[in-house]
Amino acid sequence: MAVCARLCGVGQSRRCRRRQRPNQQDQSSDSDMDEEEEERIEGRRQSYVGGGPESGVPTAGPSDSCGSSSSHVNRRGTSTGPPHPQSLADLPPELLVEILSMLPGTALPNVALVCKKFKQIINTETIWRRRCMEEFGMKDDLRKMEVGGVSSYDLYVKRINPRVKSGRFMKLLPDYEHMDYRDVYTHLLHPYRHILGLWQPDIGPYGGLLNVVVDGLFIIGWMYLPPHDPRVEDPMRRRPLFRIHMWESKKATVECMYGHKGPHKGDIQTVKKDEFSTKCNQTDHHRMPGGRQEEFRTWLEEEWGRTLEEIFHEHMQELILMKFIYTSQYDNCLTYRRIYLPPAMPSDLLCPGLFKGTYGSHGLEIVMLSFHENSARATKITGDPNVPAGQLTLDVDLSRPVVLPDLEQQRNIEELSRLVLGMREEVQREATQSKGNSATVKGAAVGACGVASDTECVEMEHDARADSCQPGPSRAATNHHEAQPFVLPMGVTARNEMYPRTCRRCFYGTGLIAGHGFTSPERTPGLFVLFDQDHFGFIWLDLKSFSLYSRLTDHLAHAHAPNMEQFEAMLCNMQSWTS
């Protein structure tokens, strides 16, 4: 190897930073450069990358199928060739490493077919490490993990092998001694790139939120669970459902993480675009020695943070038992559908995203807040037997702000009912008028177009669309509104009494309610209360209850929608899944 044995890890060298495999043999017929020349290239690497090599610095390149180097170095170290390279292959190796590391990983194998010099440089660990970091967000170093293992506590599992006598817990890690970034990219990250991001499991009306991320040398599917009711301010809880990693054979292995006996064999199948399924091949690992009763008690403590005896509400006990029986049927096979986070616009009332909110006896649920012209919509990511996941739980009209009275009048439920019901009658009256005037307006527009020129008609239509898309007064200068005192009316129940006592804006909206099994659904009027950028609430007027929502602050990679059109199509699909 004539160029960067120690820099790039190609071939063998005295101080090579890349660990050489024991059975690796040098296939190149080039002779190694002198140590003095190698030191010179290593020392000039930063100057090459920063602004190009200085004049008079000797360079050397291997003679291969790309052609000999355009500049040669004599014994005195002076350049005898042209001052500038004539082709890409004439560049110094350290510059080629920087250039090729900017290409996508899928294009690098084709680059390696150009010539032997490119093939040698493509094997550089620096290139593949950069690809793993930029394309998949991989942050951990292979060599550090080889020494210290995975730092995540969730990857420690209970010791199930009686021959292991090294404590109660152990790490189930493969041997990474002979693994490099190219193997990780080729056999793990790239083949499973399509499952990274946010997904909604198909668990009937309950839904869920799954986030598949690259965690060190693993691809892990984390199921996000809301905090224990009613602590809406607590962070989200995570539970690993599956993980994918590599063994010494350079083959990705899928393991199911469900149950209490540690990882076991699983499988992942791609059903179609934006949909995949997981299957457990050893469901006996999900069973507990105490049978279903012990499994229910363990599930109840994880799901609700309490025992069944501590839940005095009989209706809530029935809902909890129903959920356990239903969700336990999906412990061996699950199907997931991709979901996106809504794109943010400068005119939004607040930053859209995921929120966790209180839903009475059903506990805490996850909703997705998004903005659509003059309306704000909250879609359920997790649901319940009454209103399942995927349905539009809140629909807020941002063109209809509500001015709250003083604190004494806010405590009166009759005053709140008067304000909200007055807005409802106004909305219904305008809807009736718009239906009657739509035919007249359409006819007038056709007649005007018949008299005016085509250019004037186009301008008229453009102005009409622009007027209809203008944001309402509620979305202009939202952050400039001063906070005003807020208190819940007497008789309105709230699961969490620690709600904010000041708010910024209030709007008329409707909430979706239904009977068990999503029977007789209807939209009931209510009041949307904006507290700050991370909190909002909704007063269900007919139910006389209050729901408090708090933002989910976890970082979710590979989750944002490419554009608004794809996001709205995803919302329509979500509603059809559970309708």
Protein backbone atom coordinates (compact mmCIF):
# COMPACT_ATOMS: atom_id res chain seq x y z
CA MET A 1 0.00 0.00 0.00
CA ALA A 2 1.64 3.19 -1.18
CA VAL A 3 -0.49 5.88 0.36
CA CYS A 4 -2.43 5.87 3.59
CA ALA A 5 -1.93 2.59 5.41
CA ARG A 6 -1.96 4.20 8.80
CA LEU A 7 -4.41 6.96 7.87
CA CYS A 8 -7.04 4.94 6.05
CA GLY A 9 -6.52 1.44 7.38
CA VAL A 10 -5.70 -0.05 3.96
CA GLY A 11 -3.08 -2.73 4.34
CA GLN A 12 -0.77 -3.19 7.30
CA SER A 13 1.27 -0.54 9.02
CA ARG A 14 3.19 -0.08 12.25
CA ARG A 15 0.76 2.38 13.78
CA CYS A 16 -2.43 1.57 11.89
CA ARG A 17 -5.52 2.91 13.67
CA ARG A 18 -7.76 0.25 12.24
CA ARG A 19 -7.50 -3.19 13.82
CA GLN A 20 -6.47 -5.68 11.18
CA ARG A 21 -8.25 -8.97 10.92
CA PRO A 22 -6.08 -12.00 11.67
CA ASN A 23 -6.89 -13.73 8.41
CA GLN A 24 -6.70 -10.65 6.22
CA GLN A 25 -4.01 -10.81 3.51
CA ASP A 26 -2.67 -7.96 1.49
CA GLN A 27 -3.88 -8.36 -2.07
CA SER A 28 -2.04 -5.34 -3.42
CA SER A 29 1.16 -5.68 -5.38
CA ASP A 30 2.28 -2.13 -4.50
CA SER A 31 5.22 -1.68 -2.19
CA ASP A 32 4.84 0.32 1.03
CA MET A 33 6.19 3.82 0.99
CA ASP A 34 9.07 4.83 3.19
CA GLU A 35 8.19 5.75 6.74
CA GLU A 36 9.59 9.27 6.24
CA GLU A 37 7.28 9.88 3.26
CA GLU A 38 4.30 8.43 5.13
CA GLU A 39 4.93 10.76 8.06
CA ARG A 40 5.02 13.73 5.70
CA ILE A 41 1.60 12.92 4.19
CA GLU A 42 0.08 12.33 7.60
CA GLY A 43 1.39 15.65 8.86
CA ARG A 44 0.02 17.58 5.88
CA ARG A 45 -3.50 16.10 6.00
CA GLN A 46 -5.15 19.09 7.69
CA SER A 47 -3.58 21.57 5.28
CA TYR A 48 -4.92 19.56 2.36
CA VAL A 49 -8.43 19.50 3.80
CA GLY A 50 -8.42 23.14 4.89
CA GLY A 51 -7.26 24.94 1.79
CA GLY A 52 -5.31 22.63 -0.48
CA PRO A 53 -1.67 21.59 -0.35
CA GLU A 54 1.02 24.18 -0.27
CA SER A 55 3.32 24.52 -3.21
CA GLY A 56 6.35 22.35 -3.12
CA VAL A 57 4.87 19.63 -0.90
CA PRO A 58 5.61 16.26 -2.43
CA THR A 59 2.78 13.83 -3.00
CA ALA A 60 2.77 10.24 -4.02
CA GLY A 61 0.08 7.92 -5.31
CA PRO A 62 -0.04 4.25 -6.16
CA SER A 63 0.22 3.05 -9.68
CA ASP A 64 -2.96 1.20 -10.50
CA SER A 65 -5.63 0.90 -13.13
CA CYS A 66 -6.60 4.56 -12.65
CA GLY A 67 -3.27 5.57 -14.22
CA SER A 68 -0.10 6.80 -12.73
CA SER A 69 -0.02 9.95 -10.66
CA SER A 70 0.37 13.20 -12.52
CA SER A 71 3.19 14.36 -10.23
CA HIS A 72 6.22 12.35 -9.27
CA VAL A 73 8.65 12.76 -6.39
CA ASN A 74 12.37 12.45 -6.94
CA ARG A 75 14.90 11.61 -4.30
CA ARG A 76 15.36 15.26 -3.31
CA GLY A 77 11.59 15.70 -2.73
CA THR A 78 10.96 18.23 -5.53
CA SER A 79 7.96 17.96 -7.83
CA THR A 80 8.73 17.23 -11.48
CA GLY A 81 5.16 16.93 -12.80
CA PRO A 82 2.47 19.53 -13.51
CA PRO A 83 1.52 21.75 -10.53
CA HIS A 84 -2.16 20.74 -10.52
CA PRO A 85 -3.79 17.29 -10.71
CA GLN A 86 -5.27 16.40 -14.06
CA SER A 87 -8.01 14.04 -12.75
CA LEU A 88 -9.77 13.00 -9.56
CA ALA A 89 -7.47 10.01 -9.24
CA ASP A 90 -4.46 12.32 -9.04
CA LEU A 91 -5.67 13.92 -5.80
CA PRO A 92 -3.92 13.00 -2.57
CA PRO A 93 -5.53 10.13 -0.64
CA GLU A 94 -6.49 12.33 2.30
CA LEU A 95 -8.48 14.58 -0.02
CA LEU A 96 -10.15 11.61 -1.67
CA VAL A 97 -11.20 10.35 1.75
CA GLU A 98 -12.89 13.66 2.50
CA ILE A 99 -14.59 13.79 -0.91
CA LEU A 100 -15.82 10.21 -1.01
CA SER A 101 -17.12 10.39 2.57
CA MET A 102 -19.69 12.95 1.37
CA LEU A 103 -21.31 10.47 -1.01
CA PRO A 104 -24.29 8.37 0.13
CA GLY A 105 -23.37 4.91 1.28
CA THR A 106 -25.35 3.29 -1.52
CA ALA A 107 -23.09 4.93 -4.13
CA LEU A 108 -19.77 3.86 -2.61
CA PRO A 109 -19.76 0.27 -4.00
CA ASN A 110 -20.08 1.67 -7.51
CA VAL A 111 -17.21 4.07 -6.88
CA ALA A 112 -15.05 1.13 -5.78
CA LEU A 113 -15.46 -0.40 -9.26
CA VAL A 114 -13.69 2.49 -10.95
CA CYS A 115 -10.13 1.47 -10.15
CA LYS A 116 -7.96 -0.20 -7.56
CA LYS A 117 -7.01 3.06 -5.89
CA PHE A 118 -10.67 3.97 -5.29
CA LYS A 119 -11.37 0.44 -4.08
CA GLN A 120 -8.62 0.75 -1.49
CA ILE A 121 -9.82 4.14 -0.29
CA ILE A 122 -13.45 3.02 -0.10
CA ASN A 123 -12.36 0.52 2.57
CA THR A 124 -11.43 3.41 4.84
CA GLU A 125 -13.22 3.29 8.16
CA THR A 126 -13.46 7.08 8.23
CA ILE A 127 -15.79 7.08 5.23
CA TRP A 128 -18.19 4.46 6.57
CA ARG A 129 -18.17 5.95 10.06
CA ARG A 130 -19.28 9.27 8.62
CA ARG A 131 -22.01 7.57 6.59
CA CYS A 132 -23.33 5.81 9.69
CA MET A 133 -23.38 9.05 11.65
CA GLU A 134 -24.91 11.33 9.02
CA GLU A 135 -27.48 8.96 7.52
CA PHE A 136 -28.59 7.13 10.66
CA GLY A 137 -27.49 9.32 13.57
CA MET A 138 -25.09 6.73 14.96
CA LYS A 139 -23.10 8.39 17.75
CA ASP A 140 -21.30 5.60 19.56
CA ASP A 141 -17.80 4.52 18.59
CA LEU A 142 -17.33 0.85 17.74
CA ARG A 143 -14.09 0.65 19.62
CA LYS A 144 -15.53 2.22 22.77
CA MET A 145 -18.49 -0.13 22.68
CA GLU A 146 -16.14 -3.01 22.18
CA VAL A 147 -14.57 -2.17 25.52
CA GLY A 148 -17.48 -0.79 27.52
CA GLY A 149 -20.52 -2.40 25.97
CA VAL A 150 -23.91 -0.73 25.53
CA SER A 151 -24.61 1.85 28.20
CA SER A 152 -28.41 1.70 28.02
CA TYR A 153 -29.85 0.10 31.13
CA ASP A 154 -32.66 -1.47 29.15
CA LEU A 155 -30.20 -3.72 27.33
CA TYR A 156 -29.26 -5.41 30.57
CA VAL A 157 -31.40 -8.50 31.03
CA LYS A 158 -31.91 -10.95 33.82
CA ARG A 159 -29.49 -13.84 33.86
CA ILE A 160 -31.22 -16.89 32.41
CA ASN A 161 -28.19 -19.13 31.83
CA PRO A 162 -27.39 -21.02 35.06
CA ARG A 163 -23.81 -21.53 33.91
CA VAL A 164 -23.19 -17.77 34.05
CA LYS A 165 -22.09 -16.84 37.58
CA SER A 166 -21.26 -13.18 37.13
CA GLY A 167 -24.16 -11.57 38.99
CA ARG A 168 -27.86 -11.12 38.67
CA PHE A 169 -27.72 -9.21 35.39
CA MET A 170 -25.58 -9.66 32.32
CA LYS A 171 -25.13 -8.06 28.90
CA LEU A 172 -26.13 -10.02 25.84
CA LEU A 173 -23.63 -8.50 23.43
CA PRO A 174 -22.02 -10.04 20.36
CA ASP A 175 -18.29 -10.02 19.73
CA TYR A 176 -17.42 -6.76 17.97
CA GLU A 177 -13.68 -7.41 17.72
CA HIS A 178 -13.76 -8.15 13.99
CA MET A 179 -16.52 -5.71 13.04
CA ASP A 180 -16.14 -2.39 11.27
CA TYR A 181 -18.42 0.43 10.19
CA ARG A 182 -18.81 -0.95 6.69
CA ASP A 183 -20.22 -4.19 8.07
CA VAL A 184 -22.63 -2.28 10.29
CA TYR A 185 -23.79 -0.10 7.40
CA THR A 186 -24.07 -2.93 4.87
CA HIS A 187 -25.65 -5.67 7.00
CA LEU A 188 -27.60 -3.74 9.65
CA LEU A 189 -28.38 -0.07 9.06
CA HIS A 190 -29.07 -0.03 5.33
CA PRO A 191 -31.22 -3.20 5.10
CA TYR A 192 -33.47 -2.03 7.97
CA ARG A 193 -33.50 1.69 7.15
CA HIS A 194 -37.17 1.51 6.09
CA ILE A 195 -38.38 0.72 9.63
CA LEU A 196 -36.75 3.73 11.31
CA GLY A 197 -39.17 6.39 12.57
CA LEU A 198 -42.60 6.58 14.21
CA TRP A 199 -45.20 3.82 13.91
CA GLN A 200 -48.64 3.06 15.26
CA PRO A 201 -49.27 -0.57 16.25
CA ASP A 202 -52.54 -2.16 15.19
CA ILE A 203 -53.95 -3.05 18.63
CA GLY A 204 -57.61 -2.44 17.93
CA PRO A 205 -58.98 0.72 19.55
CA TYR A 206 -55.97 1.19 21.85
CA GLY A 207 -53.31 1.96 19.26
CA GLY A 208 -49.91 3.01 20.52
CA LEU A 209 -46.69 4.80 19.67
CA LEU A 210 -43.56 2.96 18.54
CA ASN A 211 -40.26 4.71 17.83
CA VAL A 212 -37.59 2.70 15.98
CA VAL A 213 -34.13 4.23 16.40
CA VAL A 214 -30.46 3.40 16.05
CA ASP A 215 -29.08 2.94 19.56
CA GLY A 216 -25.37 2.17 19.42
CA LEU A 217 -24.91 -1.07 17.51
CA PHE A 218 -28.60 -1.91 17.86
CA ILE A 219 -31.80 -0.95 16.07
CA ILE A 220 -34.38 -0.89 18.86
CA GLY A 221 -38.15 -0.51 18.71
CA TRP A 222 -39.25 1.47 21.78
CA MET A 223 -42.91 1.46 22.75
CA TYR A 224 -43.81 4.81 24.31
CA LEU A 225 -46.22 4.64 27.24
CA PRO A 226 -47.91 7.67 28.84
CA PRO A 227 -47.08 8.49 32.48
CA HIS A 228 -49.18 7.03 35.24
CA ASP A 229 -52.57 8.70 35.58
CA PRO A 230 -53.01 11.56 36.34
CA ARG A 231 -49.38 12.81 36.38
CA VAL A 232 -49.45 14.42 32.94
CA GLU A 233 -46.25 16.39 33.60
CA ASP A 234 -44.14 13.26 34.12
CA PRO A 235 -41.91 12.08 31.23
CA MET A 236 -42.97 9.31 28.91
CA ARG A 237 -42.11 5.73 29.79
CA ARG A 238 -40.33 3.45 27.31
CA ARG A 239 -40.35 -0.30 26.88
CA PRO A 240 -38.29 -2.18 24.26
CA LEU A 241 -40.36 -4.49 22.04
CA PHE A 242 -37.65 -5.77 19.69
CA ARG A 243 -34.04 -5.18 18.72
CA ILE A 244 -31.82 -5.96 15.73
CA HIS A 245 -28.06 -6.43 15.96
CA MET A 246 -25.20 -8.35 14.34
CA TRP A 247 -23.28 -11.42 15.34
CA GLU A 248 -19.81 -12.52 14.23
CA SER A 249 -21.25 -13.99 11.03
CA LYS A 250 -22.13 -10.47 9.82
CA LYS A 251 -25.79 -11.36 9.74
CA ALA A 252 -28.46 -9.24 11.39
CA THR A 253 -30.43 -11.00 14.11
CA VAL A 254 -33.94 -10.00 15.25
CA GLU A 255 -34.83 -10.57 18.90
CA CYS A 256 -38.12 -10.09 20.74
CA MET A 257 -37.76 -8.11 23.98
CA TYR A 258 -41.27 -8.71 25.28
CA GLY A 259 -41.67 -10.67 28.49
CA HIS A 260 -39.56 -11.11 31.60
CA LYS A 261 -37.02 -13.73 30.53
CA GLY A 262 -34.76 -11.64 28.36
CA PRO A 263 -34.32 -11.38 24.58
CA HIS A 264 -35.37 -14.33 22.45
CA LYS A 265 -35.76 -15.17 18.78
CA GLY A 266 -38.06 -13.05 16.65
CA ASP A 267 -38.72 -12.02 13.07
CA ILE A 268 -39.58 -8.88 11.08
CA GLN A 269 -41.49 -8.91 7.80
CA THR A 270 -42.22 -5.98 5.51
CA VAL A 271 -45.89 -6.21 4.56
CA LYS A 272 -45.93 -3.26 2.13
CA LYS A 273 -44.73 0.31 1.92
CA ASP A 274 -44.96 2.10 5.29
CA GLU A 275 -46.07 -1.08 7.02
CA PHE A 276 -44.24 -3.96 8.70
CA SER A 277 -44.96 -6.69 11.22
CA THR A 278 -43.05 -8.39 14.03
CA LYS A 279 -43.42 -11.99 15.17
CA CYS A 280 -42.14 -13.77 18.26
CA ASN A 281 -40.92 -17.32 17.72
CA GLN A 282 -40.68 -18.19 21.43
CA THR A 283 -43.88 -17.05 23.12
CA ASP A 284 -43.13 -19.19 26.19
CA HIS A 285 -40.73 -16.40 27.22
CA HIS A 286 -43.78 -14.18 27.72
CA ARG A 287 -45.39 -16.44 30.29
CA MET A 288 -44.78 -16.11 34.04
CA PRO A 289 -44.62 -18.91 36.64
CA GLY A 290 -47.69 -17.58 38.44
CA GLY A 291 -49.91 -17.79 35.39
CA ARG A 292 -52.31 -15.14 34.16
CA GLN A 293 -52.89 -13.68 37.61
CA GLU A 294 -49.23 -12.88 38.08
CA GLU A 295 -49.02 -11.52 34.54
CA PHE A 296 -52.02 -9.26 35.21
CA ARG A 297 -50.59 -7.91 38.46
CA THR A 298 -47.25 -7.19 36.80
CA TRP A 299 -48.92 -5.54 33.83
CA LEU A 300 -51.14 -3.43 36.11
CA GLU A 301 -48.18 -2.11 38.08
CA GLU A 302 -46.34 -1.19 34.86
CA GLU A 303 -49.41 0.29 33.14
CA TRP A 304 -51.06 2.15 36.02
CA GLY A 305 -48.48 2.17 38.80
CA ARG A 306 -50.88 0.68 41.34
CA THR A 307 -52.68 -2.52 42.30
CA LEU A 308 -56.29 -3.41 41.50
CA GLU A 309 -57.24 -2.99 45.16
CA GLU A 310 -56.07 0.63 45.06
CA ILE A 311 -58.48 1.42 42.20
CA PHE A 312 -61.82 1.96 43.91
CA HIS A 313 -63.81 3.00 40.83
CA GLU A 314 -65.64 -0.10 39.60
CA HIS A 315 -66.00 1.20 36.05
CA MET A 316 -62.26 1.88 35.86
CA GLN A 317 -61.53 -1.66 37.05
CA GLU A 318 -63.64 -3.04 34.22
CA LEU A 319 -61.85 -0.86 31.66
CA ILE A 320 -58.42 -1.96 32.95
CA LEU A 321 -59.31 -5.66 32.89
CA MET A 322 -60.77 -5.29 29.39
CA LYS A 323 -57.60 -3.65 28.11
CA PHE A 324 -55.38 -6.37 29.57
CA ILE A 325 -57.42 -9.16 27.99
CA TYR A 326 -57.50 -7.42 24.61
CA THR A 327 -53.85 -6.35 24.37
CA SER A 328 -52.49 -9.70 25.61
CA GLN A 329 -53.75 -11.30 22.39
CA TYR A 330 -51.10 -9.32 20.45
CA ASP A 331 -48.01 -10.40 22.41
CA ASN A 332 -46.75 -12.71 19.64
CA CYS A 333 -47.51 -10.78 16.43
CA LEU A 334 -48.04 -7.08 15.72
CA THR A 335 -48.48 -4.95 12.60
CA TYR A 336 -47.24 -1.35 12.50
CA ARG A 337 -48.19 1.53 10.20
CA ARG A 338 -46.01 4.60 9.71
CA ILE A 339 -47.08 7.96 11.12
CA TYR A 340 -45.51 11.39 10.74
CA LEU A 341 -45.13 14.44 12.93
CA PRO A 342 -46.92 17.48 11.49
CA PRO A 343 -44.80 20.10 9.71
CA ALA A 344 -44.49 23.42 11.55
CA MET A 345 -45.47 26.74 9.96
CA PRO A 346 -44.55 30.25 11.20
CA SER A 347 -48.24 31.18 11.50
CA ASP A 348 -49.12 28.26 13.82
CA LEU A 349 -50.70 29.12 17.14
CA LEU A 350 -48.07 26.97 18.87
CA CYS A 351 -45.57 24.40 17.73
CA PRO A 352 -47.44 21.25 16.59
CA GLY A 353 -46.45 17.82 17.84
CA LEU A 354 -47.37 15.09 20.31
CA PHE A 355 -49.11 15.76 23.62
CA LYS A 356 -50.26 13.55 26.48
CA GLY A 357 -53.64 14.35 28.02
CA THR A 358 -56.15 13.16 30.61
CA TYR A 359 -59.25 11.25 29.50
CA GLY A 360 -61.18 10.46 32.67
CA SER A 361 -61.40 6.79 33.58
CA HIS A 362 -59.43 5.82 30.49
CA GLY A 363 -56.27 7.38 31.93
CA LEU A 364 -53.69 9.31 29.95
CA GLU A 365 -53.66 9.15 26.16
CA ILE A 366 -51.38 10.52 23.42
CA VAL A 367 -52.71 12.95 20.81
CA MET A 368 -51.12 14.69 17.81
CA LEU A 369 -51.81 18.42 17.47
CA SER A 370 -51.70 19.86 13.93
CA PHE A 371 -52.85 23.05 12.21
CA HIS A 372 -54.90 23.31 9.03
CA GLU A 373 -55.53 26.89 7.88
CA ASN A 374 -57.99 28.31 10.46
CA SER A 375 -58.38 25.18 12.57
CA ALA A 376 -56.37 23.17 15.04
CA ARG A 377 -56.95 19.41 15.24
CA ALA A 378 -55.93 16.83 17.82
CA THR A 379 -55.83 13.24 16.55
CA LYS A 380 -55.62 10.29 18.90
CA ILE A 381 -52.46 8.17 18.72
CA THR A 382 -53.62 5.98 21.61
CA GLY A 383 -57.32 5.41 22.19
CA ASP A 384 -59.96 3.62 24.23
CA PRO A 385 -63.08 1.51 23.59
CA ASN A 386 -65.25 4.64 23.30
CA VAL A 387 -63.15 6.78 20.93
CA PRO A 388 -60.45 4.62 19.31
CA ALA A 389 -57.01 5.65 18.17
CA GLY A 390 -56.85 7.53 14.88
CA GLN A 391 -60.03 9.55 15.46
CA LEU A 392 -60.21 13.36 15.59
CA THR A 393 -60.72 14.02 19.29
CA LEU A 394 -60.58 17.85 19.18
CA ASP A 395 -61.44 20.30 16.39
CA VAL A 396 -60.75 23.95 17.28
CA ASP A 397 -61.94 26.94 15.23
CA LEU A 398 -59.10 29.47 15.46
CA SER A 399 -61.22 32.15 13.79
CA ARG A 400 -63.56 32.23 16.80
CA PRO A 401 -61.71 33.45 19.90
CA VAL A 402 -63.54 33.55 23.21
CA VAL A 403 -62.97 36.43 25.64
CA LEU A 404 -63.10 35.20 29.20
CA PRO A 405 -64.84 37.26 31.90
CA ASP A 406 -63.30 38.05 35.28
CA LEU A 407 -62.47 35.29 37.78
CA GLU A 408 -65.75 35.48 39.65
CA GLN A 409 -67.78 34.96 36.49
CA GLN A 410 -65.41 32.22 35.28
CA ARG A 411 -66.42 30.13 38.28
CA ASN A 412 -70.02 30.15 37.07
CA ILE A 413 -70.71 27.25 34.70
CA GLU A 414 -73.77 29.07 33.36
CA GLU A 415 -71.63 31.95 32.11
CA LEU A 416 -69.30 29.55 30.31
CA SER A 417 -72.27 27.72 28.77
CA ARG A 418 -73.69 31.02 27.52
CA LEU A 419 -70.42 31.93 25.77
CA VAL A 420 -69.80 28.53 24.20
CA LEU A 421 -73.38 27.83 23.14
CA GLY A 422 -73.61 31.31 21.66
CA MET A 423 -70.60 30.47 19.50
CA ARG A 424 -72.20 27.17 18.50
CA GLU A 425 -75.41 28.84 17.34
CA GLU A 426 -73.37 31.33 15.33
CA VAL A 427 -71.44 28.52 13.64
CA GLN A 428 -74.63 26.63 12.79
CA ARG A 429 -76.28 29.79 11.44
CA GLU A 430 -73.32 30.62 9.20
CA ALA A 431 -73.16 27.03 7.96
CA THR A 432 -76.80 27.20 6.93
CA GLN A 433 -76.31 30.51 5.17
CA SER A 434 -73.22 29.32 3.32
CA LYS A 435 -75.10 26.36 1.90
CA GLY A 436 -77.83 28.64 0.60
CA ASN A 437 -75.45 31.19 -0.87
CA SER A 438 -73.00 28.73 -2.44
CA ALA A 439 -75.18 28.19 -5.51
CA THR A 440 -75.76 31.94 -5.95
CA VAL A 441 -72.06 32.78 -5.62
CA LYS A 442 -71.12 30.06 -8.10
CA GLY A 443 -73.61 31.33 -10.65
CA ALA A 444 -72.45 34.91 -10.26
CA ALA A 445 -68.84 33.88 -10.75
CA VAL A 446 -69.71 31.99 -13.95
CA GLY A 447 -71.61 34.99 -15.26
CA ALA A 448 -68.76 37.36 -14.48
CA CYS A 449 -66.34 35.10 -16.27
CA GLY A 450 -68.60 35.10 -19.28
CA VAL A 451 -68.33 38.89 -19.58
CA ALA A 452 -64.83 39.58 -18.36
CA SER A 453 -61.63 38.43 -19.98
CA ASP A 454 -59.89 35.21 -19.08
CA THR A 455 -57.11 37.10 -17.29
CA GLU A 456 -59.60 38.94 -15.09
CA CYS A 457 -61.37 35.66 -14.27
CA VAL A 458 -58.12 34.07 -13.16
CA GLU A 459 -57.36 37.11 -10.99
CA MET A 460 -60.82 36.95 -9.40
CA GLU A 461 -60.42 33.27 -8.56
CA HIS A 462 -56.92 33.86 -7.19
CA ASP A 463 -58.11 36.70 -4.94
CA ALA A 464 -60.99 34.59 -3.64
CA ARG A 465 -58.68 31.71 -2.74
CA ALA A 466 -56.22 34.09 -1.10
CA ASP A 467 -58.96 35.61 1.03
CA SER A 468 -60.22 32.19 2.11
CA CYS A 469 -56.71 31.08 3.12
CA GLN A 470 -55.89 34.15 5.18
CA PRO A 471 -55.28 33.24 8.85
CA GLY A 472 -57.82 34.51 11.31
CA PRO A 473 -57.11 37.10 13.97
CA SER A 474 -56.38 34.37 16.49
CA ARG A 475 -53.18 33.30 14.72
CA ALA A 476 -51.68 36.76 14.31
CA ALA A 477 -49.26 37.86 16.99
CA THR A 478 -50.24 35.03 19.31
CA ASN A 479 -47.25 35.39 21.57
CA HIS A 480 -48.00 39.10 22.13
CA HIS A 481 -51.12 38.39 24.16
CA GLU A 482 -50.59 38.86 27.85
CA ALA A 483 -51.49 36.10 30.27
CA GLN A 484 -54.86 36.43 31.96
CA PRO A 485 -56.18 34.69 35.09
CA PHE A 486 -57.97 31.39 34.55
CA VAL A 487 -59.96 29.11 36.80
CA LEU A 488 -62.24 26.15 36.12
CA PRO A 489 -65.98 26.69 36.66
CA MET A 490 -67.63 25.09 39.66
CA GLY A 491 -68.90 21.63 38.82
CA VAL A 492 -66.27 20.89 36.15
CA THR A 493 -64.18 17.89 37.20
CA ALA A 494 -60.48 17.52 36.44
CA ARG A 495 -58.20 14.50 36.87
CA ASN A 496 -55.30 16.81 37.61
CA GLU A 497 -55.89 19.77 39.91
CA MET A 498 -52.42 21.17 39.17
CA TYR A 499 -53.45 22.96 35.99
CA PRO A 500 -52.04 26.43 35.14
CA ARG A 501 -53.87 29.40 36.63
CA THR A 502 -53.14 31.74 33.73
CA CYS A 503 -53.92 31.38 30.02
CA ARG A 504 -53.13 33.32 26.83
CA ARG A 505 -55.96 32.56 24.41
CA CYS A 506 -59.29 30.72 24.31
CA PHE A 507 -61.18 29.44 21.26
CA TYR A 508 -64.41 27.68 20.46
CA GLY A 509 -64.04 24.01 19.57
CA THR A 510 -65.73 20.64 19.54
CA GLY A 511 -64.76 17.31 21.08
CA LEU A 512 -65.66 13.81 19.92
CA ILE A 513 -67.61 11.58 22.32
CA ALA A 514 -69.15 8.14 21.68
CA GLY A 515 -70.57 5.11 23.42
CA HIS A 516 -68.76 1.85 24.02
CA GLY A 517 -67.53 0.35 20.77
CA PHE A 518 -67.53 3.78 19.09
CA THR A 519 -71.31 3.78 18.86
CA SER A 520 -73.37 6.97 18.27
CA PRO A 521 -70.37 9.31 17.88
CA GLU A 522 -71.11 13.03 18.06
CA ARG A 523 -69.22 16.28 18.41
CA THR A 524 -69.95 18.23 21.56
CA PRO A 525 -69.09 21.93 22.06
CA GLY A 526 -66.30 23.00 24.35
CA LEU A 527 -63.62 25.58 25.11
CA PHE A 528 -59.99 25.27 23.97
CA VAL A 529 -57.62 26.98 26.43
CA LEU A 530 -54.05 27.80 25.44
CA PHE A 531 -51.81 28.09 28.52
CA ASP A 532 -48.36 28.27 26.92
CA GLN A 533 -46.29 26.64 24.16
CA ASP A 534 -46.25 23.29 25.99
CA HIS A 535 -49.70 23.12 27.62
CA PHE A 536 -53.30 23.47 26.56
CA GLY A 537 -56.64 22.30 27.88
CA PHE A 538 -60.18 21.56 26.75
CA ILE A 539 -63.41 21.95 28.73
CA TRP A 540 -66.00 19.37 27.65
CA LEU A 541 -69.17 21.35 28.25
CA ASP A 542 -71.72 18.49 28.09
CA LEU A 543 -69.53 16.15 30.16
CA LYS A 544 -68.55 18.94 32.59
CA SER A 545 -64.96 17.68 32.59
CA PHE A 546 -61.57 19.19 31.85
CA SER A 547 -58.65 17.60 29.98
CA LEU A 548 -55.11 18.93 30.44
CA TYR A 549 -52.49 18.27 27.74
CA SER A 550 -48.71 18.48 28.12
CA ARG A 551 -46.14 18.32 25.32
CA LEU A 552 -44.11 15.17 24.71
CA THR A 553 -40.51 16.46 24.83
CA ASP A 554 -38.64 13.34 23.68
CA HIS A 555 -36.44 13.70 20.61
CA LEU A 556 -37.96 11.66 17.77
CA ALA A 557 -35.67 11.12 14.78
CA HIS A 558 -36.86 10.19 11.25
CA ALA A 559 -40.39 11.27 12.23
CA HIS A 560 -41.27 14.53 10.43
CA ALA A 561 -43.55 14.49 7.42
CA PRO A 562 -41.94 15.36 4.05
CA ASN A 563 -44.74 17.82 3.28
CA MET A 564 -48.24 18.81 4.36
CA GLU A 565 -49.92 16.75 1.64
CA GLN A 566 -48.41 13.48 2.86
CA PHE A 567 -49.26 14.36 6.46
CA GLU A 568 -52.93 14.99 5.65
CA ALA A 569 -53.07 11.75 3.66
CA MET A 570 -51.64 9.94 6.69
CA LEU A 571 -54.37 11.44 8.92
CA CYS A 572 -57.08 10.21 6.55
CA ASN A 573 -55.56 6.73 6.59
CA MET A 574 -55.44 6.71 10.39
CA GLN A 575 -59.14 7.41 10.63
CA SER A 576 -59.94 4.66 8.13
CA TRP A 577 -57.90 2.12 10.16
CA THR A 578 -60.21 2.40 13.17
CA SER A 579 -63.51 3.58 11.64
